[in-house]
Amino acid sequence: MMMIEIDGFYVKALLIGKKYTKRKLKEMFRQAKKHSIYDRDFPSLFCRLNNFDVIPYSKEIEGDFVLDIDTERVYIPSYLKF
């Protein structure tokens, strides 16, 4: 399992689902962005398309990857870098 943080100006969400590579996540992210009209709808759309679940957001929980919907970047958060 992996945890993903969705980060945007209007949206903060945590998702949990099957583990994927960064490359595959980028592909999934692009596909969901194509179909997303409003940023606030992105987390639920991403979940429906990729079988993830939204969990309650907390700043205390650290995701394995961050999907930044403002800059359209997928990255490993700095707190996980060695």
PDB file of N, CA and C in Angstrom:
ATOM      1  N   MET A   1       0.840  -1.184   0.000  1.00  0.00           N
ATOM      2  CA  MET A   1       0.000   0.000   0.000  1.00  0.00           C
ATOM      3  C   MET A   1       0.880   1.240   0.000  1.00  0.00           C
ATOM      4  N   MET A   2       0.355   2.299  -0.562  1.00  0.00           N
ATOM      5  CA  MET A   2       1.069   3.576  -0.553  1.00  0.00           C
ATOM      6  C   MET A   2       0.099   4.696  -0.238  1.00  0.00           C
ATOM      7  N   MET A   3       0.652   5.779   0.282  1.00  0.00           N
ATOM      8  CA  MET A   3      -0.129   6.953   0.601  1.00  0.00           C
ATOM      9  C   MET A   3       0.339   8.101  -0.288  1.00  0.00           C
ATOM     10  N   ILE A   4      -0.621   8.805  -0.853  1.00  0.00           N
ATOM     11  CA  ILE A   4      -0.332   9.932  -1.739  1.00  0.00           C
ATOM     12  C   ILE A   4      -0.971  11.176  -1.149  1.00  0.00           C
ATOM     13  N   GLU A   5      -0.219  12.262  -1.171  1.00  0.00           N
ATOM     14  CA  GLU A   5      -0.758  13.555  -0.749  1.00  0.00           C
ATOM     15  C   GLU A   5      -1.089  14.356  -2.001  1.00  0.00           C
ATOM     16  N   ILE A   6      -2.308  14.857  -2.066  1.00  0.00           N
ATOM     17  CA  ILE A   6      -2.717  15.757  -3.144  1.00  0.00           C
ATOM     18  C   ILE A   6      -2.549  17.170  -2.586  1.00  0.00           C
ATOM     19  N   ASP A   7      -1.776  17.980  -3.281  1.00  0.00           N
ATOM     20  CA  ASP A   7      -1.496  19.330  -2.798  1.00  0.00           C
ATOM     21  C   ASP A   7      -1.881  20.339  -3.867  1.00  0.00           C
ATOM     22  N   GLY A   8      -2.673  21.308  -3.479  1.00  0.00           N
ATOM     23  CA  GLY A   8      -3.072  22.385  -4.376  1.00  0.00           C
ATOM     24  C   GLY A   8      -3.482  23.590  -3.560  1.00  0.00           C
ATOM     25  N   PHE A   9      -3.669  24.712  -4.219  1.00  0.00           N
ATOM     26  CA  PHE A   9      -4.037  25.939  -3.528  1.00  0.00           C
ATOM     27  C   PHE A   9      -5.356  25.774  -2.770  1.00  0.00           C
ATOM     28  N   TYR A  10      -6.335  25.123  -3.417  1.00  0.00           N
ATOM     29  CA  TYR A  10      -7.644  24.928  -2.811  1.00  0.00           C
ATOM     30  C   TYR A  10      -7.873  23.520  -2.285  1.00  0.00           C
ATOM     31  N   VAL A  11      -6.934  22.616  -2.516  1.00  0.00           N
ATOM     32  CA  VAL A  11      -7.158  21.207  -2.187  1.00  0.00           C
ATOM     33  C   VAL A  11      -5.978  20.621  -1.425  1.00  0.00           C
ATOM     34  N   LYS A  12      -6.286  19.934  -0.340  1.00  0.00           N
ATOM     35  CA  LYS A  12      -5.327  19.119   0.405  1.00  0.00           C
ATOM     36  C   LYS A  12      -6.042  17.807   0.678  1.00  0.00           C
ATOM     37  N   ALA A  13      -5.455  16.697   0.250  1.00  0.00           N
ATOM     38  CA  ALA A  13      -6.101  15.397   0.462  1.00  0.00           C
ATOM     39  C   ALA A  13      -5.044  14.314   0.602  1.00  0.00           C
ATOM     40  N   LEU A  14      -5.437  13.252   1.290  1.00  0.00           N
ATOM     41  CA  LEU A  14      -4.593  12.068   1.407  1.00  0.00           C
ATOM     42  C   LEU A  14      -5.338  10.898   0.796  1.00  0.00           C
ATOM     43  N   LEU A  15      -4.622  10.129  -0.009  1.00  0.00           N
ATOM     44  CA  LEU A  15      -5.201   8.959  -0.658  1.00  0.00           C
ATOM     45  C   LEU A  15      -4.383   7.738  -0.291  1.00  0.00           C
ATOM     46  N   ILE A  16      -5.042   6.594  -0.259  1.00  0.00           N
ATOM     47  CA  ILE A  16      -4.342   5.347   0.007  1.00  0.00           C
ATOM     48  C   ILE A  16      -4.768   4.325  -1.038  1.00  0.00           C
ATOM     49  N   GLY A  17      -3.796   3.548  -1.493  1.00  0.00           N
ATOM     50  CA  GLY A  17      -4.097   2.545  -2.507  1.00  0.00           C
ATOM     51  C   GLY A  17      -2.887   1.685  -2.812  1.00  0.00           C
ATOM     52  N   LYS A  18      -2.991   0.959  -3.901  1.00  0.00           N
ATOM     53  CA  LYS A  18      -1.931   0.056  -4.337  1.00  0.00           C
ATOM     54  C   LYS A  18      -0.641   0.832  -4.616  1.00  0.00           C
ATOM     55  N   LYS A  19       0.492   0.198  -4.389  1.00  0.00           N
ATOM     56  CA  LYS A  19       1.788   0.830  -4.600  1.00  0.00           C
ATOM     57  C   LYS A  19       2.133   0.874  -6.100  1.00  0.00           C
ATOM     58  N   TYR A  20       2.605   2.033  -6.558  1.00  0.00           N
ATOM     59  CA  TYR A  20       3.007   2.242  -7.947  1.00  0.00           C
ATOM     60  C   TYR A  20       4.357   2.940  -8.001  1.00  0.00           C
ATOM     61  N   THR A  21       4.998   2.851  -9.157  1.00  0.00           N
ATOM     62  CA  THR A  21       6.249   3.574  -9.373  1.00  0.00           C
ATOM     63  C   THR A  21       5.925   5.052  -9.636  1.00  0.00           C
ATOM     64  N   LYS A  22       6.938   5.881  -9.515  1.00  0.00           N
ATOM     65  CA  LYS A  22       6.768   7.313  -9.793  1.00  0.00           C
ATOM     66  C   LYS A  22       6.337   7.511 -11.241  1.00  0.00           C
ATOM     67  N   ARG A  23       6.918   6.755 -12.136  1.00  0.00           N
ATOM     68  CA  ARG A  23       6.582   6.865 -13.563  1.00  0.00           C
ATOM     69  C   ARG A  23       5.100   6.540 -13.816  1.00  0.00           C
ATOM     70  N   LYS A  24       4.627   5.468 -13.198  1.00  0.00           N
ATOM     71  CA  LYS A  24       3.225   5.080 -13.359  1.00  0.00           C
ATOM     72  C   LYS A  24       2.299   6.122 -12.723  1.00  0.00           C
ATOM     73  N   LEU A  25       2.698   6.660 -11.562  1.00  0.00           N
ATOM     74  CA  LEU A  25       1.895   7.702 -10.916  1.00  0.00           C
ATOM     75  C   LEU A  25       1.776   8.943 -11.797  1.00  0.00           C
ATOM     76  N   LYS A  26       2.863   9.312 -12.457  1.00  0.00           N
ATOM     77  CA  LYS A  26       2.818  10.466 -13.369  1.00  0.00           C
ATOM     78  C   LYS A  26       1.798  10.229 -14.475  1.00  0.00           C
ATOM     79  N   GLU A  27       1.792   9.024 -15.013  1.00  0.00           N
ATOM     80  CA  GLU A  27       0.845   8.668 -16.073  1.00  0.00           C
ATOM     81  C   GLU A  27      -0.595   8.727 -15.550  1.00  0.00           C
ATOM     82  N   MET A  28      -0.827   8.176 -14.373  1.00  0.00           N
ATOM     83  CA  MET A  28      -2.160   8.199 -13.753  1.00  0.00           C
ATOM     84  C   MET A  28      -2.596   9.630 -13.457  1.00  0.00           C
ATOM     85  N   PHE A  29      -1.646  10.450 -12.985  1.00  0.00           N
ATOM     86  CA  PHE A  29      -1.906  11.853 -12.667  1.00  0.00           C
ATOM     87  C   PHE A  29      -2.331  12.612 -13.928  1.00  0.00           C
ATOM     88  N   ARG A  30      -1.580  12.445 -15.014  1.00  0.00           N
ATOM     89  CA  ARG A  30      -1.905  13.136 -16.278  1.00  0.00           C
ATOM     90  C   ARG A  30      -3.293  12.735 -16.781  1.00  0.00           C
ATOM     91  N   GLN A  31      -3.593  11.457 -16.682  1.00  0.00           N
ATOM     92  CA  GLN A  31      -4.895  10.974 -17.153  1.00  0.00           C
ATOM     93  C   GLN A  31      -6.028  11.601 -16.340  1.00  0.00           C
ATOM     94  N   ALA A  32      -5.877  11.656 -15.035  1.00  0.00           N
ATOM     95  CA  ALA A  32      -6.917  12.246 -14.183  1.00  0.00           C
ATOM     96  C   ALA A  32      -7.029  13.755 -14.427  1.00  0.00           C
ATOM     97  N   LYS A  33      -5.894  14.440 -14.618  1.00  0.00           N
ATOM     98  CA  LYS A  33      -5.926  15.888 -14.887  1.00  0.00           C
ATOM     99  C   LYS A  33      -6.667  16.199 -16.183  1.00  0.00           C
ATOM    100  N   LYS A  34      -6.551  15.327 -17.168  1.00  0.00           N
ATOM    101  CA  LYS A  34      -7.250  15.523 -18.443  1.00  0.00           C
ATOM    102  C   LYS A  34      -8.757  15.602 -18.248  1.00  0.00           C
ATOM    103  N   HIS A  35      -9.263  14.819 -17.304  1.00  0.00           N
ATOM    104  CA  HIS A  35     -10.710  14.714 -17.108  1.00  0.00           C
ATOM    105  C   HIS A  35     -11.230  15.595 -15.973  1.00  0.00           C
ATOM    106  N   SER A  36     -10.340  16.245 -15.264  1.00  0.00           N
ATOM    107  CA  SER A  36     -10.736  17.055 -14.117  1.00  0.00           C
ATOM    108  C   SER A  36     -10.966  18.504 -14.544  1.00  0.00           C
ATOM    109  N   ILE A  37     -12.147  19.019 -14.267  1.00  0.00           N
ATOM    110  CA  ILE A  37     -12.463  20.400 -14.605  1.00  0.00           C
ATOM    111  C   ILE A  37     -12.088  21.323 -13.451  1.00  0.00           C
ATOM    112  N   TYR A  38     -12.438  20.930 -12.227  1.00  0.00           N
ATOM    113  CA  TYR A  38     -12.161  21.734 -11.039  1.00  0.00           C
ATOM    114  C   TYR A  38     -11.171  21.013 -10.134  1.00  0.00           C
ATOM    115  N   ASP A  39     -10.228  21.755  -9.589  1.00  0.00           N
ATOM    116  CA  ASP A  39      -9.222  21.158  -8.711  1.00  0.00           C
ATOM    117  C   ASP A  39      -9.841  20.456  -7.512  1.00  0.00           C
ATOM    118  N   ARG A  40     -10.902  21.009  -6.969  1.00  0.00           N
ATOM    119  CA  ARG A  40     -11.507  20.412  -5.779  1.00  0.00           C
ATOM    120  C   ARG A  40     -12.089  19.023  -6.061  1.00  0.00           C
ATOM    121  N   ASP A  41     -12.368  18.722  -7.337  1.00  0.00           N
ATOM    122  CA  ASP A  41     -12.898  17.412  -7.718  1.00  0.00           C
ATOM    123  C   ASP A  41     -11.802  16.403  -8.051  1.00  0.00           C
ATOM    124  N   PHE A  42     -10.556  16.870  -8.141  1.00  0.00           N
ATOM    125  CA  PHE A  42      -9.469  16.000  -8.580  1.00  0.00           C
ATOM    126  C   PHE A  42      -9.270  14.769  -7.687  1.00  0.00           C
ATOM    127  N   PRO A  43      -9.218  14.918  -6.350  1.00  0.00           N
ATOM    128  CA  PRO A  43      -8.973  13.724  -5.522  1.00  0.00           C
ATOM    129  C   PRO A  43      -9.999  12.605  -5.747  1.00  0.00           C
ATOM    130  N   SER A  44     -11.277  12.948  -5.785  1.00  0.00           N
ATOM    131  CA  SER A  44     -12.298  11.907  -5.971  1.00  0.00           C
ATOM    132  C   SER A  44     -12.222  11.298  -7.366  1.00  0.00           C
ATOM    133  N   LEU A  45     -11.915  12.103  -8.370  1.00  0.00           N
ATOM    134  CA  LEU A  45     -11.764  11.579  -9.727  1.00  0.00           C
ATOM    135  C   LEU A  45     -10.553  10.646  -9.814  1.00  0.00           C
ATOM    136  N   PHE A  46      -9.425  11.065  -9.241  1.00  0.00           N
ATOM    137  CA  PHE A  46      -8.228  10.229  -9.232  1.00  0.00           C
ATOM    138  C   PHE A  46      -8.532   8.887  -8.556  1.00  0.00           C
ATOM    139  N   CYS A  47      -9.269   8.938  -7.456  1.00  0.00           N
ATOM    140  CA  CYS A  47      -9.626   7.711  -6.737  1.00  0.00           C
ATOM    141  C   CYS A  47     -10.509   6.794  -7.582  1.00  0.00           C
ATOM    142  N   ARG A  48     -11.504   7.354  -8.232  1.00  0.00           N
ATOM    143  CA  ARG A  48     -12.393   6.538  -9.068  1.00  0.00           C
ATOM    144  C   ARG A  48     -11.641   5.893 -10.223  1.00  0.00           C
ATOM    145  N   LEU A  49     -10.757   6.635 -10.856  1.00  0.00           N
ATOM    146  CA  LEU A  49     -10.025   6.106 -12.006  1.00  0.00           C
ATOM    147  C   LEU A  49      -8.972   5.072 -11.621  1.00  0.00           C
ATOM    148  N   ASN A  50      -8.425   5.179 -10.406  1.00  0.00           N
ATOM    149  CA  ASN A  50      -7.257   4.367 -10.047  1.00  0.00           C
ATOM    150  C   ASN A  50      -7.435   3.508  -8.795  1.00  0.00           C
ATOM    151  N   ASN A  51      -8.663   3.347  -8.340  1.00  0.00           N
ATOM    152  CA  ASN A  51      -8.973   2.491  -7.186  1.00  0.00           C
ATOM    153  C   ASN A  51      -8.216   2.878  -5.921  1.00  0.00           C
ATOM    154  N   PHE A  52      -8.174   4.171  -5.629  1.00  0.00           N
ATOM    155  CA  PHE A  52      -7.614   4.673  -4.383  1.00  0.00           C
ATOM    156  C   PHE A  52      -8.776   5.092  -3.488  1.00  0.00           C
ATOM    157  N   ASP A  53      -8.494   5.296  -2.213  1.00  0.00           N
ATOM    158  CA  ASP A  53      -9.498   5.773  -1.264  1.00  0.00           C
ATOM    159  C   ASP A  53      -8.987   7.053  -0.615  1.00  0.00           C
ATOM    160  N   VAL A  54      -9.902   7.996  -0.384  1.00  0.00           N
ATOM    161  CA  VAL A  54      -9.563   9.228   0.337  1.00  0.00           C
ATOM    162  C   VAL A  54      -9.616   8.918   1.824  1.00  0.00           C
ATOM    163  N   ILE A  55      -8.608   9.370   2.552  1.00  0.00           N
ATOM    164  CA  ILE A  55      -8.617   9.241   4.009  1.00  0.00           C
ATOM    165  C   ILE A  55      -8.575  10.649   4.596  1.00  0.00           C
ATOM    166  N   PRO A  56      -8.984  10.815   5.849  1.00  0.00           N
ATOM    167  CA  PRO A  56      -8.996  12.162   6.445  1.00  0.00           C
ATOM    168  C   PRO A  56      -7.612  12.812   6.392  1.00  0.00           C
ATOM    169  N   TYR A  57      -7.583  14.080   5.973  1.00  0.00           N
ATOM    170  CA  TYR A  57      -6.313  14.804   5.834  1.00  0.00           C
ATOM    171  C   TYR A  57      -5.776  15.216   7.191  1.00  0.00           C
ATOM    172  N   SER A  58      -4.465  15.069   7.345  1.00  0.00           N
ATOM    173  CA  SER A  58      -3.769  15.518   8.539  1.00  0.00           C
ATOM    174  C   SER A  58      -2.357  15.919   8.144  1.00  0.00           C
ATOM    175  N   LYS A  59      -1.907  17.059   8.649  1.00  0.00           N
ATOM    176  CA  LYS A  59      -0.532  17.491   8.383  1.00  0.00           C
ATOM    177  C   LYS A  59       0.472  16.527   8.996  1.00  0.00           C
ATOM    178  N   GLU A  60       0.036  15.758   9.977  1.00  0.00           N
ATOM    179  CA  GLU A  60       0.909  14.826  10.690  1.00  0.00           C
ATOM    180  C   GLU A  60       1.209  13.571   9.871  1.00  0.00           C
ATOM    181  N   ILE A  61       0.385  13.265   8.888  1.00  0.00           N
ATOM    182  CA  ILE A  61       0.562  12.064   8.071  1.00  0.00           C
ATOM    183  C   ILE A  61       1.408  12.418   6.855  1.00  0.00           C
ATOM    184  N   GLU A  62       2.425  11.614   6.612  1.00  0.00           N
ATOM    185  CA  GLU A  62       3.354  11.861   5.502  1.00  0.00           C
ATOM    186  C   GLU A  62       3.093  10.875   4.373  1.00  0.00           C
ATOM    187  N   GLY A  63       2.916  11.396   3.177  1.00  0.00           N
ATOM    188  CA  GLY A  63       2.675  10.551   2.024  1.00  0.00           C
ATOM    189  C   GLY A  63       3.969  10.050   1.400  1.00  0.00           C
ATOM    190  N   ASP A  64       3.862   8.976   0.614  1.00  0.00           N
ATOM    191  CA  ASP A  64       5.015   8.440  -0.118  1.00  0.00           C
ATOM    192  C   ASP A  64       5.350   9.318  -1.325  1.00  0.00           C
ATOM    193  N   PHE A  65       4.313   9.910  -1.913  1.00  0.00           N
ATOM    194  CA  PHE A  65       4.464  10.821  -3.051  1.00  0.00           C
ATOM    195  C   PHE A  65       3.510  11.989  -2.861  1.00  0.00           C
ATOM    196  N   VAL A  66       3.834  13.095  -3.525  1.00  0.00           N
ATOM    197  CA  VAL A  66       2.953  14.263  -3.570  1.00  0.00           C
ATOM    198  C   VAL A  66       2.564  14.495  -5.018  1.00  0.00           C
ATOM    199  N   LEU A  67       1.274  14.685  -5.258  1.00  0.00           N
ATOM    200  CA  LEU A  67       0.774  15.096  -6.566  1.00  0.00           C
ATOM    201  C   LEU A  67       0.377  16.555  -6.417  1.00  0.00           C
ATOM    202  N   ASP A  68       1.136  17.441  -7.015  1.00  0.00           N
ATOM    203  CA  ASP A  68       0.872  18.874  -6.917  1.00  0.00           C
ATOM    204  C   ASP A  68       0.010  19.285  -8.100  1.00  0.00           C
ATOM    205  N   ILE A  69      -1.243  19.600  -7.830  1.00  0.00           N
ATOM    206  CA  ILE A  69      -2.161  19.900  -8.933  1.00  0.00           C
ATOM    207  C   ILE A  69      -1.987  21.307  -9.482  1.00  0.00           C
ATOM    208  N   ASP A  70      -1.257  22.173  -8.780  1.00  0.00           N
ATOM    209  CA  ASP A  70      -0.996  23.520  -9.294  1.00  0.00           C
ATOM    210  C   ASP A  70       0.166  23.513 -10.294  1.00  0.00           C
ATOM    211  N   THR A  71       1.235  22.814  -9.953  1.00  0.00           N
ATOM    212  CA  THR A  71       2.421  22.776 -10.833  1.00  0.00           C
ATOM    213  C   THR A  71       2.455  21.532 -11.705  1.00  0.00           C
ATOM    214  N   GLU A  72       1.500  20.603 -11.470  1.00  0.00           N
ATOM    215  CA  GLU A  72       1.414  19.335 -12.197  1.00  0.00           C
ATOM    216  C   GLU A  72       2.684  18.499 -12.058  1.00  0.00           C
ATOM    217  N   ARG A  73       3.245  18.503 -10.848  1.00  0.00           N
ATOM    218  CA  ARG A  73       4.442  17.713 -10.545  1.00  0.00           C
ATOM    219  C   ARG A  73       4.088  16.532  -9.654  1.00  0.00           C
ATOM    220  N   VAL A  74       4.824  15.438  -9.843  1.00  0.00           N
ATOM    221  CA  VAL A  74       4.759  14.279  -8.962  1.00  0.00           C
ATOM    222  C   VAL A  74       6.145  14.151  -8.362  1.00  0.00           C
ATOM    223  N   TYR A  75       6.229  14.159  -7.030  1.00  0.00           N
ATOM    224  CA  TYR A  75       7.549  14.088  -6.412  1.00  0.00           C
ATOM    225  C   TYR A  75       7.501  13.373  -5.071  1.00  0.00           C
ATOM    226  N   ILE A  76       8.684  12.938  -4.643  1.00  0.00           N
ATOM    227  CA  ILE A  76       8.849  12.346  -3.323  1.00  0.00           C
ATOM    228  C   ILE A  76       9.087  13.505  -2.357  1.00  0.00           C
ATOM    229  N   PRO A  77       8.291  13.587  -1.291  1.00  0.00           N
ATOM    230  CA  PRO A  77       8.462  14.705  -0.362  1.00  0.00           C
ATOM    231  C   PRO A  77       9.848  14.703   0.288  1.00  0.00           C
ATOM    232  N   SER A  78      10.342  15.872   0.621  1.00  0.00           N
ATOM    233  CA  SER A  78      11.698  16.023   1.156  1.00  0.00           C
ATOM    234  C   SER A  78      11.905  15.281   2.467  1.00  0.00           C
ATOM    235  N   TYR A  79      10.857  15.077   3.253  1.00  0.00           N
ATOM    236  CA  TYR A  79      11.037  14.372   4.507  1.00  0.00           C
ATOM    237  C   TYR A  79      11.321  12.881   4.300  1.00  0.00           C
ATOM    238  N   LEU A  80      11.161  12.369   3.067  1.00  0.00           N
ATOM    239  CA  LEU A  80      11.477  10.972   2.787  1.00  0.00           C
ATOM    240  C   LEU A  80      12.804  10.791   2.077  1.00  0.00           C
ATOM    241  N   LYS A  81      13.422  11.878   1.645  1.00  0.00           N
ATOM    242  CA  LYS A  81      14.701  11.774   0.958  1.00  0.00           C
ATOM    243  C   LYS A  81      15.802  11.491   1.965  1.00  0.00           C
ATOM    244  N   PHE A  82      16.762  10.712   1.542  1.00  0.00           N
ATOM    245  CA  PHE A  82      17.865  10.340   2.432  1.00  0.00           C
ATOM    246  C   PHE A  82      19.113  11.099   2.086  1.00  0.00           C
TER     247      PHE A  82
END
